[in-house]
Amino acid sequence: MARPQLQDPSSVQPIFHGRPRKFYRIEPHDDMWFIRFDGADYGPYKSEREALLFAVDAAKMLGEQGKDTQVLVVDENGDGRPFWTFGQDSYPPRL
């Protein structure tokens, strides 16, 4: 039996289960590192490692309050790759 087809597939809304995730983005700028979170910048930090440690600590604390958190490292093209996710990765992270 064939599946019914929607007349307008663009009208389909995605279904998301769970809570929206809060992202801590580690971004370089002029040989310094910053943490971007909820529209605010924190830093500067002297190294990527230092920024990561602060971001993971903050993400862990927010995660313990029931928020779904993740730390991303952003490259020079603006693409983020996951570094640490609350509830999935060990704490403290290995750097």
N, C-alpha and C. Protein backbone atom coordinates (compact mmCIF):
# COMPACT_ATOMS: atom_id res chain seq x y z
N MET A 1 0.84 -1.18 0.00
CA MET A 1 0.00 0.00 0.00
C MET A 1 0.89 1.25 0.00
N ALA A 2 0.61 2.18 -0.86
CA ALA A 2 1.40 3.41 -0.99
C ALA A 2 1.08 4.36 0.16
N ARG A 3 2.11 5.12 0.56
CA ARG A 3 1.91 6.13 1.61
C ARG A 3 1.20 7.34 1.03
N PRO A 4 0.30 7.95 1.77
CA PRO A 4 -0.34 9.17 1.27
C PRO A 4 0.67 10.29 1.16
N GLN A 5 0.54 11.13 0.17
CA GLN A 5 1.45 12.24 -0.06
C GLN A 5 0.79 13.54 0.37
N LEU A 6 1.58 14.40 0.99
CA LEU A 6 1.08 15.72 1.35
C LEU A 6 1.06 16.60 0.11
N GLN A 7 0.06 17.43 0.02
CA GLN A 7 -0.01 18.33 -1.12
C GLN A 7 1.04 19.43 -1.03
N ASP A 8 1.32 19.90 0.18
CA ASP A 8 2.30 20.97 0.37
C ASP A 8 3.27 20.55 1.47
N PRO A 9 4.38 19.88 1.12
CA PRO A 9 5.30 19.41 2.15
C PRO A 9 5.96 20.53 2.95
N SER A 10 5.98 21.76 2.44
CA SER A 10 6.59 22.86 3.19
C SER A 10 5.77 23.26 4.40
N SER A 11 4.53 22.79 4.47
CA SER A 11 3.69 23.14 5.61
C SER A 11 3.92 22.24 6.81
N VAL A 12 4.74 21.21 6.65
CA VAL A 12 5.01 20.28 7.74
C VAL A 12 6.01 20.91 8.70
N GLN A 13 5.68 20.93 9.96
CA GLN A 13 6.57 21.47 10.98
C GLN A 13 7.34 20.34 11.63
N PRO A 14 8.64 20.52 11.87
CA PRO A 14 9.41 19.46 12.53
C PRO A 14 8.93 19.26 13.96
N ILE A 15 9.07 18.04 14.43
CA ILE A 15 8.71 17.72 15.81
C ILE A 15 10.00 17.54 16.59
N PHE A 16 10.16 18.32 17.65
CA PHE A 16 11.35 18.23 18.49
C PHE A 16 10.94 17.69 19.85
N HIS A 17 11.63 16.69 20.30
CA HIS A 17 11.38 16.12 21.61
C HIS A 17 12.42 16.64 22.57
N GLY A 18 12.02 16.88 23.78
CA GLY A 18 12.98 17.34 24.77
C GLY A 18 13.03 18.85 24.85
N ARG A 19 14.04 19.30 25.54
CA ARG A 19 14.20 20.74 25.80
C ARG A 19 15.12 21.37 24.76
N PRO A 20 14.94 22.67 24.53
CA PRO A 20 15.90 23.35 23.66
C PRO A 20 17.27 23.40 24.33
N ARG A 21 18.29 23.25 23.55
CA ARG A 21 19.65 23.21 24.07
C ARG A 21 20.23 24.62 24.17
N LYS A 22 20.99 24.86 25.24
CA LYS A 22 21.72 26.11 25.45
C LYS A 22 23.17 25.87 25.00
N PHE A 23 23.66 26.75 24.15
CA PHE A 23 25.00 26.59 23.59
C PHE A 23 25.97 27.63 24.14
N TYR A 24 27.15 27.15 24.53
CA TYR A 24 28.28 27.99 24.87
C TYR A 24 29.23 27.87 23.68
N ARG A 25 29.46 28.98 22.99
CA ARG A 25 30.28 28.96 21.78
C ARG A 25 31.65 29.56 22.08
N ILE A 26 32.71 28.80 21.82
CA ILE A 26 34.08 29.27 22.01
C ILE A 26 34.56 29.80 20.66
N GLU A 27 34.89 31.10 20.62
CA GLU A 27 35.25 31.74 19.35
C GLU A 27 36.55 32.54 19.47
N PRO A 28 37.43 32.41 18.48
CA PRO A 28 38.67 33.20 18.48
C PRO A 28 38.41 34.59 17.90
N HIS A 29 39.18 35.56 18.39
CA HIS A 29 39.13 36.91 17.84
C HIS A 29 40.41 37.63 18.23
N ASP A 30 41.22 37.99 17.21
CA ASP A 30 42.47 38.74 17.44
C ASP A 30 43.37 38.08 18.49
N ASP A 31 43.69 36.82 18.31
CA ASP A 31 44.58 36.09 19.20
C ASP A 31 44.06 35.95 20.63
N MET A 32 42.78 36.17 20.82
CA MET A 32 42.14 35.97 22.12
C MET A 32 40.94 35.06 21.89
N TRP A 33 40.39 34.55 22.97
CA TRP A 33 39.24 33.64 22.89
C TRP A 33 38.10 34.19 23.72
N PHE A 34 36.88 34.00 23.21
CA PHE A 34 35.69 34.48 23.89
C PHE A 34 34.66 33.37 24.00
N ILE A 35 33.82 33.47 25.02
CA ILE A 35 32.67 32.58 25.16
C ILE A 35 31.44 33.40 24.82
N ARG A 36 30.65 32.91 23.88
CA ARG A 36 29.38 33.55 23.54
C ARG A 36 28.24 32.70 24.09
N PHE A 37 27.37 33.34 24.85
CA PHE A 37 26.25 32.62 25.45
C PHE A 37 25.07 33.57 25.59
N ASP A 38 23.93 33.16 25.08
CA ASP A 38 22.69 33.95 25.17
C ASP A 38 22.87 35.40 24.73
N GLY A 39 23.60 35.61 23.65
CA GLY A 39 23.76 36.94 23.08
C GLY A 39 24.81 37.80 23.76
N ALA A 40 25.53 37.27 24.74
CA ALA A 40 26.56 38.05 25.43
C ALA A 40 27.93 37.39 25.20
N ASP A 41 28.97 38.22 25.24
CA ASP A 41 30.35 37.73 25.11
C ASP A 41 31.03 37.78 26.47
N TYR A 42 31.79 36.74 26.76
CA TYR A 42 32.54 36.66 28.01
C TYR A 42 34.00 36.43 27.66
N GLY A 43 34.88 37.13 28.34
CA GLY A 43 36.30 37.01 28.06
C GLY A 43 36.91 38.39 28.04
N PRO A 44 38.08 38.53 27.50
CA PRO A 44 38.81 37.56 26.69
C PRO A 44 39.56 36.56 27.56
N TYR A 45 39.86 35.42 26.95
CA TYR A 45 40.67 34.38 27.55
C TYR A 45 41.96 34.27 26.75
N LYS A 46 43.05 33.91 27.40
CA LYS A 46 44.36 33.86 26.76
C LYS A 46 44.52 32.69 25.81
N SER A 47 43.76 31.61 26.05
CA SER A 47 43.90 30.42 25.21
C SER A 47 42.54 29.76 25.01
N GLU A 48 42.48 28.93 23.98
CA GLU A 48 41.26 28.16 23.74
C GLU A 48 40.99 27.24 24.93
N ARG A 49 42.03 26.65 25.46
CA ARG A 49 41.89 25.74 26.61
C ARG A 49 41.26 26.44 27.80
N GLU A 50 41.72 27.65 28.11
CA GLU A 50 41.18 28.41 29.23
C GLU A 50 39.69 28.71 29.01
N ALA A 51 39.33 29.14 27.81
CA ALA A 51 37.93 29.43 27.50
C ALA A 51 37.08 28.16 27.60
N LEU A 52 37.63 27.04 27.12
CA LEU A 52 36.89 25.78 27.20
C LEU A 52 36.61 25.37 28.64
N LEU A 53 37.61 25.50 29.50
CA LEU A 53 37.42 25.12 30.90
C LEU A 53 36.34 25.96 31.57
N PHE A 54 36.34 27.27 31.33
CA PHE A 54 35.32 28.14 31.90
C PHE A 54 33.94 27.81 31.33
N ALA A 55 33.86 27.57 30.03
CA ALA A 55 32.58 27.27 29.38
C ALA A 55 32.01 25.94 29.87
N VAL A 56 32.86 24.93 29.99
CA VAL A 56 32.38 23.63 30.46
C VAL A 56 31.89 23.74 31.91
N ASP A 57 32.61 24.47 32.74
CA ASP A 57 32.15 24.67 34.12
C ASP A 57 30.77 25.34 34.16
N ALA A 58 30.60 26.38 33.35
CA ALA A 58 29.31 27.08 33.31
C ALA A 58 28.22 26.17 32.76
N ALA A 59 28.53 25.42 31.71
CA ALA A 59 27.54 24.52 31.11
C ALA A 59 27.16 23.42 32.08
N LYS A 60 28.10 22.93 32.86
CA LYS A 60 27.82 21.90 33.86
C LYS A 60 26.87 22.44 34.93
N MET A 61 27.15 23.64 35.42
CA MET A 61 26.28 24.22 36.45
C MET A 61 24.86 24.43 35.94
N LEU A 62 24.73 24.93 34.71
CA LEU A 62 23.40 25.13 34.14
C LEU A 62 22.72 23.78 33.87
N GLY A 63 23.50 22.80 33.45
CA GLY A 63 22.96 21.46 33.23
C GLY A 63 22.42 20.86 34.51
N GLU A 64 23.09 21.09 35.62
CA GLU A 64 22.63 20.58 36.91
C GLU A 64 21.34 21.25 37.36
N GLN A 65 21.00 22.38 36.75
CA GLN A 65 19.74 23.07 37.04
C GLN A 65 18.63 22.63 36.10
N GLY A 66 18.91 21.60 35.29
CA GLY A 66 17.88 21.04 34.43
C GLY A 66 17.90 21.52 32.99
N LYS A 67 18.90 22.27 32.60
CA LYS A 67 19.01 22.74 31.22
C LYS A 67 19.87 21.79 30.39
N ASP A 68 19.55 21.67 29.13
CA ASP A 68 20.32 20.85 28.20
C ASP A 68 21.39 21.75 27.61
N THR A 69 22.67 21.52 27.94
CA THR A 69 23.74 22.42 27.54
C THR A 69 24.81 21.71 26.73
N GLN A 70 25.48 22.52 25.89
CA GLN A 70 26.56 21.99 25.06
C GLN A 70 27.58 23.11 24.81
N VAL A 71 28.86 22.73 24.78
CA VAL A 71 29.94 23.66 24.45
C VAL A 71 30.39 23.35 23.03
N LEU A 72 30.44 24.40 22.20
CA LEU A 72 30.88 24.27 20.81
C LEU A 72 32.15 25.06 20.60
N VAL A 73 33.03 24.55 19.75
CA VAL A 73 34.22 25.30 19.32
C VAL A 73 33.94 25.76 17.90
N VAL A 74 34.03 27.06 17.69
CA VAL A 74 33.72 27.66 16.39
C VAL A 74 35.01 27.93 15.64
N ASP A 75 35.07 27.49 14.37
CA ASP A 75 36.27 27.72 13.57
C ASP A 75 36.18 29.07 12.86
N GLU A 76 37.22 29.38 12.08
CA GLU A 76 37.28 30.69 11.40
C GLU A 76 36.19 30.86 10.35
N ASN A 77 35.55 29.77 9.93
CA ASN A 77 34.44 29.86 8.96
C ASN A 77 33.09 30.05 9.65
N GLY A 78 33.09 30.02 10.98
CA GLY A 78 31.85 30.18 11.72
C GLY A 78 31.12 28.87 11.98
N ASP A 79 31.76 27.75 11.64
CA ASP A 79 31.16 26.44 11.87
C ASP A 79 31.52 25.95 13.27
N GLY A 80 30.52 25.46 13.98
CA GLY A 80 30.75 24.95 15.32
C GLY A 80 30.79 23.44 15.36
N ARG A 81 31.71 22.91 16.18
CA ARG A 81 31.76 21.46 16.38
C ARG A 81 31.59 21.22 17.88
N PRO A 82 30.81 20.22 18.23
CA PRO A 82 30.60 19.94 19.66
C PRO A 82 31.90 19.55 20.35
N PHE A 83 32.11 20.09 21.53
CA PHE A 83 33.26 19.74 22.35
C PHE A 83 32.83 18.97 23.59
N TRP A 84 31.78 19.45 24.26
CA TRP A 84 31.32 18.84 25.51
C TRP A 84 29.81 19.00 25.62
N THR A 85 29.12 17.93 26.02
CA THR A 85 27.68 17.95 26.17
C THR A 85 27.32 17.45 27.56
N PHE A 86 26.51 18.23 28.27
CA PHE A 86 26.09 17.83 29.61
C PHE A 86 25.30 16.53 29.56
N GLY A 87 25.65 15.62 30.47
CA GLY A 87 24.96 14.34 30.55
C GLY A 87 25.49 13.28 29.60
N GLN A 88 26.41 13.67 28.70
CA GLN A 88 26.98 12.70 27.77
C GLN A 88 28.49 12.56 27.93
N ASP A 89 29.16 13.67 28.18
CA ASP A 89 30.62 13.65 28.27
C ASP A 89 31.08 13.71 29.73
N SER A 90 32.27 13.18 29.97
CA SER A 90 32.80 13.15 31.32
C SER A 90 33.20 14.55 31.77
N TYR A 91 33.18 14.72 33.09
CA TYR A 91 33.59 15.98 33.69
C TYR A 91 34.64 15.65 34.75
N PRO A 92 35.73 16.37 34.77
CA PRO A 92 36.13 17.42 33.83
C PRO A 92 36.56 16.82 32.49
N PRO A 93 36.48 17.65 31.44
CA PRO A 93 36.87 17.14 30.13
C PRO A 93 38.38 16.96 30.04
N ARG A 94 38.77 16.10 29.15
CA ARG A 94 40.22 15.93 28.87
C ARG A 94 40.63 16.94 27.82
N LEU A 95 41.61 17.73 28.14
CA LEU A 95 42.11 18.74 27.20
C LEU A 95 43.54 18.45 26.80
